[in-house]
Amino acid sequence: MIVPVRCFSCGKVIGQEYEAFIERVEKGEEPDKVFNDLGIERYCCRRTLFSHVDLIEEVMKYNT
């Protein structure tokens, strides 16, 4: 739900890159090129950002 601050496998800080990654991919850029430009080279870090599903807006509907 919340963007992971660190990679779960190696511990590298990657949370600050999430918004830039999403914006550029939604504009039509290739994810692998965006990762390279952002300096995310390890496959574990790429997996962590690429597979993240942002559900916070869905959960906030049910907060009472």
PDB file of N, CA and C in Angstrom:
ATOM      1  N   MET A   1       0.826  -1.181   0.000  1.00  0.00           N
ATOM      2  CA  MET A   1       0.000   0.000   0.000  1.00  0.00           C
ATOM      3  C   MET A   1       0.875   1.251   0.000  1.00  0.00           C
ATOM      4  N   ILE A   2       1.783   1.352   0.907  1.00  0.00           N
ATOM      5  CA  ILE A   2       2.691   2.486   0.950  1.00  0.00           C
ATOM      6  C   ILE A   2       3.934   2.106   0.157  1.00  0.00           C
ATOM      7  N   VAL A   3       4.447   3.056  -0.586  1.00  0.00           N
ATOM      8  CA  VAL A   3       5.615   2.802  -1.431  1.00  0.00           C
ATOM      9  C   VAL A   3       6.766   2.316  -0.557  1.00  0.00           C
ATOM     10  N   PRO A   4       7.400   1.202  -0.928  1.00  0.00           N
ATOM     11  CA  PRO A   4       8.521   0.709  -0.126  1.00  0.00           C
ATOM     12  C   PRO A   4       9.682   1.699  -0.156  1.00  0.00           C
ATOM     13  N   VAL A   5      10.203   2.022   1.014  1.00  0.00           N
ATOM     14  CA  VAL A   5      11.315   2.962   1.109  1.00  0.00           C
ATOM     15  C   VAL A   5      12.599   2.285   0.677  1.00  0.00           C
ATOM     16  N   ARG A   6      12.757   1.026   1.044  1.00  0.00           N
ATOM     17  CA  ARG A   6      13.966   0.268   0.707  1.00  0.00           C
ATOM     18  C   ARG A   6      13.594  -0.992  -0.056  1.00  0.00           C
ATOM     19  N   CYS A   7      14.549  -1.469  -0.839  1.00  0.00           N
ATOM     20  CA  CYS A   7      14.377  -2.741  -1.518  1.00  0.00           C
ATOM     21  C   CYS A   7      14.307  -3.840  -0.463  1.00  0.00           C
ATOM     22  N   PHE A   8      13.395  -4.769  -0.634  1.00  0.00           N
ATOM     23  CA  PHE A   8      13.223  -5.820   0.357  1.00  0.00           C
ATOM     24  C   PHE A   8      14.398  -6.795   0.384  1.00  0.00           C
ATOM     25  N   SER A   9      15.098  -6.933  -0.718  1.00  0.00           N
ATOM     26  CA  SER A   9      16.187  -7.904  -0.800  1.00  0.00           C
ATOM     27  C   SER A   9      17.536  -7.330  -0.393  1.00  0.00           C
ATOM     28  N   CYS A  10      17.910  -6.199  -1.000  1.00  0.00           N
ATOM     29  CA  CYS A  10      19.262  -5.683  -0.774  1.00  0.00           C
ATOM     30  C   CYS A  10      19.316  -4.503   0.185  1.00  0.00           C
ATOM     31  N   GLY A  11      18.197  -3.825   0.420  1.00  0.00           N
ATOM     32  CA  GLY A  11      18.164  -2.721   1.367  1.00  0.00           C
ATOM     33  C   GLY A  11      18.485  -1.357   0.784  1.00  0.00           C
ATOM     34  N   LYS A  12      18.675  -1.263  -0.527  1.00  0.00           N
ATOM     35  CA  LYS A  12      18.970   0.022  -1.153  1.00  0.00           C
ATOM     36  C   LYS A  12      17.748   0.936  -1.052  1.00  0.00           C
ATOM     37  N   VAL A  13      17.974   2.209  -0.787  1.00  0.00           N
ATOM     38  CA  VAL A  13      16.891   3.175  -0.695  1.00  0.00           C
ATOM     39  C   VAL A  13      16.383   3.464  -2.106  1.00  0.00           C
ATOM     40  N   ILE A  14      15.091   3.182  -2.344  1.00  0.00           N
ATOM     41  CA  ILE A  14      14.505   3.364  -3.676  1.00  0.00           C
ATOM     42  C   ILE A  14      13.190   4.129  -3.641  1.00  0.00           C
ATOM     43  N   GLY A  15      12.685   4.454  -2.487  1.00  0.00           N
ATOM     44  CA  GLY A  15      11.368   5.080  -2.355  1.00  0.00           C
ATOM     45  C   GLY A  15      11.237   6.418  -3.047  1.00  0.00           C
ATOM     46  N   GLN A  16      12.317   7.187  -3.110  1.00  0.00           N
ATOM     47  CA  GLN A  16      12.250   8.516  -3.709  1.00  0.00           C
ATOM     48  C   GLN A  16      12.103   8.453  -5.220  1.00  0.00           C
ATOM     49  N   GLU A  17      12.355   7.319  -5.821  1.00  0.00           N
ATOM     50  CA  GLU A  17      12.299   7.183  -7.274  1.00  0.00           C
ATOM     51  C   GLU A  17      10.931   6.735  -7.788  1.00  0.00           C
ATOM     52  N   TYR A  18      10.019   6.342  -6.909  1.00  0.00           N
ATOM     53  CA  TYR A  18       8.756   5.749  -7.328  1.00  0.00           C
ATOM     54  C   TYR A  18       7.899   6.699  -8.159  1.00  0.00           C
ATOM     55  N   GLU A  19       7.702   7.924  -7.691  1.00  0.00           N
ATOM     56  CA  GLU A  19       6.833   8.858  -8.401  1.00  0.00           C
ATOM     57  C   GLU A  19       7.389   9.199  -9.777  1.00  0.00           C
ATOM     58  N   ALA A  20       8.691   9.420  -9.868  1.00  0.00           N
ATOM     59  CA  ALA A  20       9.304   9.720 -11.160  1.00  0.00           C
ATOM     60  C   ALA A  20       9.146   8.526 -12.106  1.00  0.00           C
ATOM     61  N   PHE A  21       9.311   7.326 -11.582  1.00  0.00           N
ATOM     62  CA  PHE A  21       9.158   6.122 -12.392  1.00  0.00           C
ATOM     63  C   PHE A  21       7.740   6.019 -12.944  1.00  0.00           C
ATOM     64  N   ILE A  22       6.746   6.183 -12.097  1.00  0.00           N
ATOM     65  CA  ILE A  22       5.346   6.054 -12.513  1.00  0.00           C
ATOM     66  C   ILE A  22       4.989   7.131 -13.547  1.00  0.00           C
ATOM     67  N   GLU A  23       5.403   8.363 -13.307  1.00  0.00           N
ATOM     68  CA  GLU A  23       5.090   9.448 -14.238  1.00  0.00           C
ATOM     69  C   GLU A  23       5.668   9.173 -15.624  1.00  0.00           C
ATOM     70  N   ARG A  24       6.903   8.748 -15.661  1.00  0.00           N
ATOM     71  CA  ARG A  24       7.557   8.527 -16.951  1.00  0.00           C
ATOM     72  C   ARG A  24       6.992   7.317 -17.684  1.00  0.00           C
ATOM     73  N   VAL A  25       6.638   6.266 -16.966  1.00  0.00           N
ATOM     74  CA  VAL A  25       6.051   5.079 -17.599  1.00  0.00           C
ATOM     75  C   VAL A  25       4.655   5.403 -18.130  1.00  0.00           C
ATOM     76  N   GLU A  26       3.878   6.200 -17.382  1.00  0.00           N
ATOM     77  CA  GLU A  26       2.545   6.580 -17.852  1.00  0.00           C
ATOM     78  C   GLU A  26       2.608   7.463 -19.092  1.00  0.00           C
ATOM     79  N   LYS A  27       3.700   8.189 -19.262  1.00  0.00           N
ATOM     80  CA  LYS A  27       3.880   9.013 -20.461  1.00  0.00           C
ATOM     81  C   LYS A  27       4.257   8.178 -21.673  1.00  0.00           C
ATOM     82  N   GLY A  28       4.602   6.903 -21.448  1.00  0.00           N
ATOM     83  CA  GLY A  28       4.880   6.008 -22.567  1.00  0.00           C
ATOM     84  C   GLY A  28       6.320   5.555 -22.693  1.00  0.00           C
ATOM     85  N   GLU A  29       7.180   5.898 -21.748  1.00  0.00           N
ATOM     86  CA  GLU A  29       8.572   5.460 -21.825  1.00  0.00           C
ATOM     87  C   GLU A  29       8.686   3.993 -21.427  1.00  0.00           C
ATOM     88  N   GLU A  30       9.720   3.346 -21.914  1.00  0.00           N
ATOM     89  CA  GLU A  30       9.974   1.945 -21.579  1.00  0.00           C
ATOM     90  C   GLU A  30      10.474   1.862 -20.129  1.00  0.00           C
ATOM     91  N   PRO A  31       9.914   0.948 -19.328  1.00  0.00           N
ATOM     92  CA  PRO A  31      10.336   0.830 -17.929  1.00  0.00           C
ATOM     93  C   PRO A  31      11.829   0.559 -17.750  1.00  0.00           C
ATOM     94  N   ASP A  32      12.424  -0.262 -18.611  1.00  0.00           N
ATOM     95  CA  ASP A  32      13.841  -0.561 -18.444  1.00  0.00           C
ATOM     96  C   ASP A  32      14.713   0.673 -18.681  1.00  0.00           C
ATOM     97  N   LYS A  33      14.327   1.518 -19.615  1.00  0.00           N
ATOM     98  CA  LYS A  33      15.080   2.754 -19.847  1.00  0.00           C
ATOM     99  C   LYS A  33      14.912   3.732 -18.693  1.00  0.00           C
ATOM    100  N   VAL A  34      13.718   3.780 -18.126  1.00  0.00           N
ATOM    101  CA  VAL A  34      13.478   4.659 -16.973  1.00  0.00           C
ATOM    102  C   VAL A  34      14.304   4.200 -15.787  1.00  0.00           C
ATOM    103  N   PHE A  35      14.336   2.896 -15.540  1.00  0.00           N
ATOM    104  CA  PHE A  35      15.158   2.370 -14.450  1.00  0.00           C
ATOM    105  C   PHE A  35      16.628   2.738 -14.643  1.00  0.00           C
ATOM    106  N   ASN A  36      17.123   2.601 -15.860  1.00  0.00           N
ATOM    107  CA  ASN A  36      18.516   2.939 -16.139  1.00  0.00           C
ATOM    108  C   ASN A  36      18.786   4.418 -15.888  1.00  0.00           C
ATOM    109  N   ASP A  37      17.878   5.290 -16.329  1.00  0.00           N
ATOM    110  CA  ASP A  37      18.050   6.725 -16.122  1.00  0.00           C
ATOM    111  C   ASP A  37      18.007   7.104 -14.643  1.00  0.00           C
ATOM    112  N   LEU A  38      17.187   6.393 -13.863  1.00  0.00           N
ATOM    113  CA  LEU A  38      17.071   6.684 -12.439  1.00  0.00           C
ATOM    114  C   LEU A  38      18.193   6.053 -11.625  1.00  0.00           C
ATOM    115  N   GLY A  39      18.999   5.213 -12.242  1.00  0.00           N
ATOM    116  CA  GLY A  39      20.123   4.591 -11.549  1.00  0.00           C
ATOM    117  C   GLY A  39      19.759   3.337 -10.779  1.00  0.00           C
ATOM    118  N   ILE A  40      18.640   2.731 -11.120  1.00  0.00           N
ATOM    119  CA  ILE A  40      18.216   1.494 -10.459  1.00  0.00           C
ATOM    120  C   ILE A  40      18.659   0.343 -11.342  1.00  0.00           C
ATOM    121  N   GLU A  41      19.749  -0.305 -10.947  1.00  0.00           N
ATOM    122  CA  GLU A  41      20.365  -1.324 -11.791  1.00  0.00           C
ATOM    123  C   GLU A  41      20.115  -2.747 -11.319  1.00  0.00           C
ATOM    124  N   ARG A  42      19.949  -2.944 -10.039  1.00  0.00           N
ATOM    125  CA  ARG A  42      19.768  -4.305  -9.525  1.00  0.00           C
ATOM    126  C   ARG A  42      18.367  -4.820  -9.834  1.00  0.00           C
ATOM    127  N   TYR A  43      18.284  -6.074 -10.202  1.00  0.00           N
ATOM    128  CA  TYR A  43      16.984  -6.644 -10.559  1.00  0.00           C
ATOM    129  C   TYR A  43      16.046  -6.730  -9.366  1.00  0.00           C
ATOM    130  N   CYS A  44      16.599  -6.856  -8.155  1.00  0.00           N
ATOM    131  CA  CYS A  44      15.724  -6.922  -6.982  1.00  0.00           C
ATOM    132  C   CYS A  44      15.056  -5.571  -6.730  1.00  0.00           C
ATOM    133  N   CYS A  45      15.787  -4.484  -6.942  1.00  0.00           N
ATOM    134  CA  CYS A  45      15.222  -3.143  -6.775  1.00  0.00           C
ATOM    135  C   CYS A  45      14.192  -2.858  -7.859  1.00  0.00           C
ATOM    136  N   ARG A  46      14.486  -3.272  -9.069  1.00  0.00           N
ATOM    137  CA  ARG A  46      13.545  -3.098 -10.172  1.00  0.00           C
ATOM    138  C   ARG A  46      12.256  -3.858  -9.892  1.00  0.00           C
ATOM    139  N   ARG A  47      12.390  -5.056  -9.404  1.00  0.00           N
ATOM    140  CA  ARG A  47      11.211  -5.866  -9.091  1.00  0.00           C
ATOM    141  C   ARG A  47      10.363  -5.198  -8.024  1.00  0.00           C
ATOM    142  N   THR A  48      11.003  -4.649  -6.997  1.00  0.00           N
ATOM    143  CA  THR A  48      10.276  -4.027  -5.902  1.00  0.00           C
ATOM    144  C   THR A  48       9.454  -2.840  -6.394  1.00  0.00           C
ATOM    145  N   LEU A  49      10.025  -1.981  -7.216  1.00  0.00           N
ATOM    146  CA  LEU A  49       9.285  -0.825  -7.731  1.00  0.00           C
ATOM    147  C   LEU A  49       8.269  -1.231  -8.787  1.00  0.00           C
ATOM    148  N   PHE A  50       8.646  -2.114  -9.683  1.00  0.00           N
ATOM    149  CA  PHE A  50       7.783  -2.489 -10.795  1.00  0.00           C
ATOM    150  C   PHE A  50       6.533  -3.229 -10.325  1.00  0.00           C
ATOM    151  N   SER A  51       6.660  -4.033  -9.297  1.00  0.00           N
ATOM    152  CA  SER A  51       5.535  -4.860  -8.853  1.00  0.00           C
ATOM    153  C   SER A  51       4.688  -4.208  -7.767  1.00  0.00           C
ATOM    154  N   HIS A  52       5.066  -3.006  -7.330  1.00  0.00           N
ATOM    155  CA  HIS A  52       4.301  -2.333  -6.276  1.00  0.00           C
ATOM    156  C   HIS A  52       2.937  -1.901  -6.805  1.00  0.00           C
ATOM    157  N   VAL A  53       1.894  -2.156  -6.039  1.00  0.00           N
ATOM    158  CA  VAL A  53       0.539  -1.740  -6.384  1.00  0.00           C
ATOM    159  C   VAL A  53       0.108  -0.731  -5.334  1.00  0.00           C
ATOM    160  N   ASP A  54      -0.198   0.472  -5.770  1.00  0.00           N
ATOM    161  CA  ASP A  54      -0.559   1.549  -4.852  1.00  0.00           C
ATOM    162  C   ASP A  54      -2.052   1.471  -4.536  1.00  0.00           C
ATOM    163  N   LEU A  55      -2.387   0.969  -3.372  1.00  0.00           N
ATOM    164  CA  LEU A  55      -3.783   0.760  -2.985  1.00  0.00           C
ATOM    165  C   LEU A  55      -4.262   1.722  -1.912  1.00  0.00           C
ATOM    166  N   ILE A  56      -3.480   2.719  -1.557  1.00  0.00           N
ATOM    167  CA  ILE A  56      -3.826   3.580  -0.435  1.00  0.00           C
ATOM    168  C   ILE A  56      -5.146   4.309  -0.672  1.00  0.00           C
ATOM    169  N   GLU A  57      -5.436   4.731  -1.906  1.00  0.00           N
ATOM    170  CA  GLU A  57      -6.698   5.423  -2.195  1.00  0.00           C
ATOM    171  C   GLU A  57      -7.878   4.484  -1.991  1.00  0.00           C
ATOM    172  N   GLU A  58      -7.740   3.217  -2.353  1.00  0.00           N
ATOM    173  CA  GLU A  58      -8.810   2.256  -2.158  1.00  0.00           C
ATOM    174  C   GLU A  58      -9.070   1.984  -0.675  1.00  0.00           C
ATOM    175  N   VAL A  59      -8.035   1.924   0.106  1.00  0.00           N
ATOM    176  CA  VAL A  59      -8.162   1.642   1.531  1.00  0.00           C
ATOM    177  C   VAL A  59      -8.757   2.836   2.268  1.00  0.00           C
ATOM    178  N   MET A  60      -8.416   4.034   1.833  1.00  0.00           N
ATOM    179  CA  MET A  60      -8.902   5.248   2.512  1.00  0.00           C
ATOM    180  C   MET A  60     -10.408   5.409   2.407  1.00  0.00           C
ATOM    181  N   LYS A  61     -11.047   4.788   1.422  1.00  0.00           N
ATOM    182  CA  LYS A  61     -12.503   4.854   1.300  1.00  0.00           C
ATOM    183  C   LYS A  61     -13.190   4.216   2.501  1.00  0.00           C
ATOM    184  N   TYR A  62     -12.545   3.219   3.084  1.00  0.00           N
ATOM    185  CA  TYR A  62     -13.173   2.444   4.150  1.00  0.00           C
ATOM    186  C   TYR A  62     -12.707   2.854   5.537  1.00  0.00           C
ATOM    187  N   ASN A  63     -11.924   3.908   5.631  1.00  0.00           N
ATOM    188  CA  ASN A  63     -11.446   4.388   6.918  1.00  0.00           C
ATOM    189  C   ASN A  63     -12.576   5.114   7.641  1.00  0.00           C
ATOM    190  N   THR A  64     -12.919   4.672   8.848  1.00  0.00           N
ATOM    191  CA  THR A  64     -13.991   5.304   9.589  1.00  0.00           C
ATOM    192  C   THR A  64     -13.499   5.945  10.849  1.00  0.00           C
TER     193      THR A  64
END
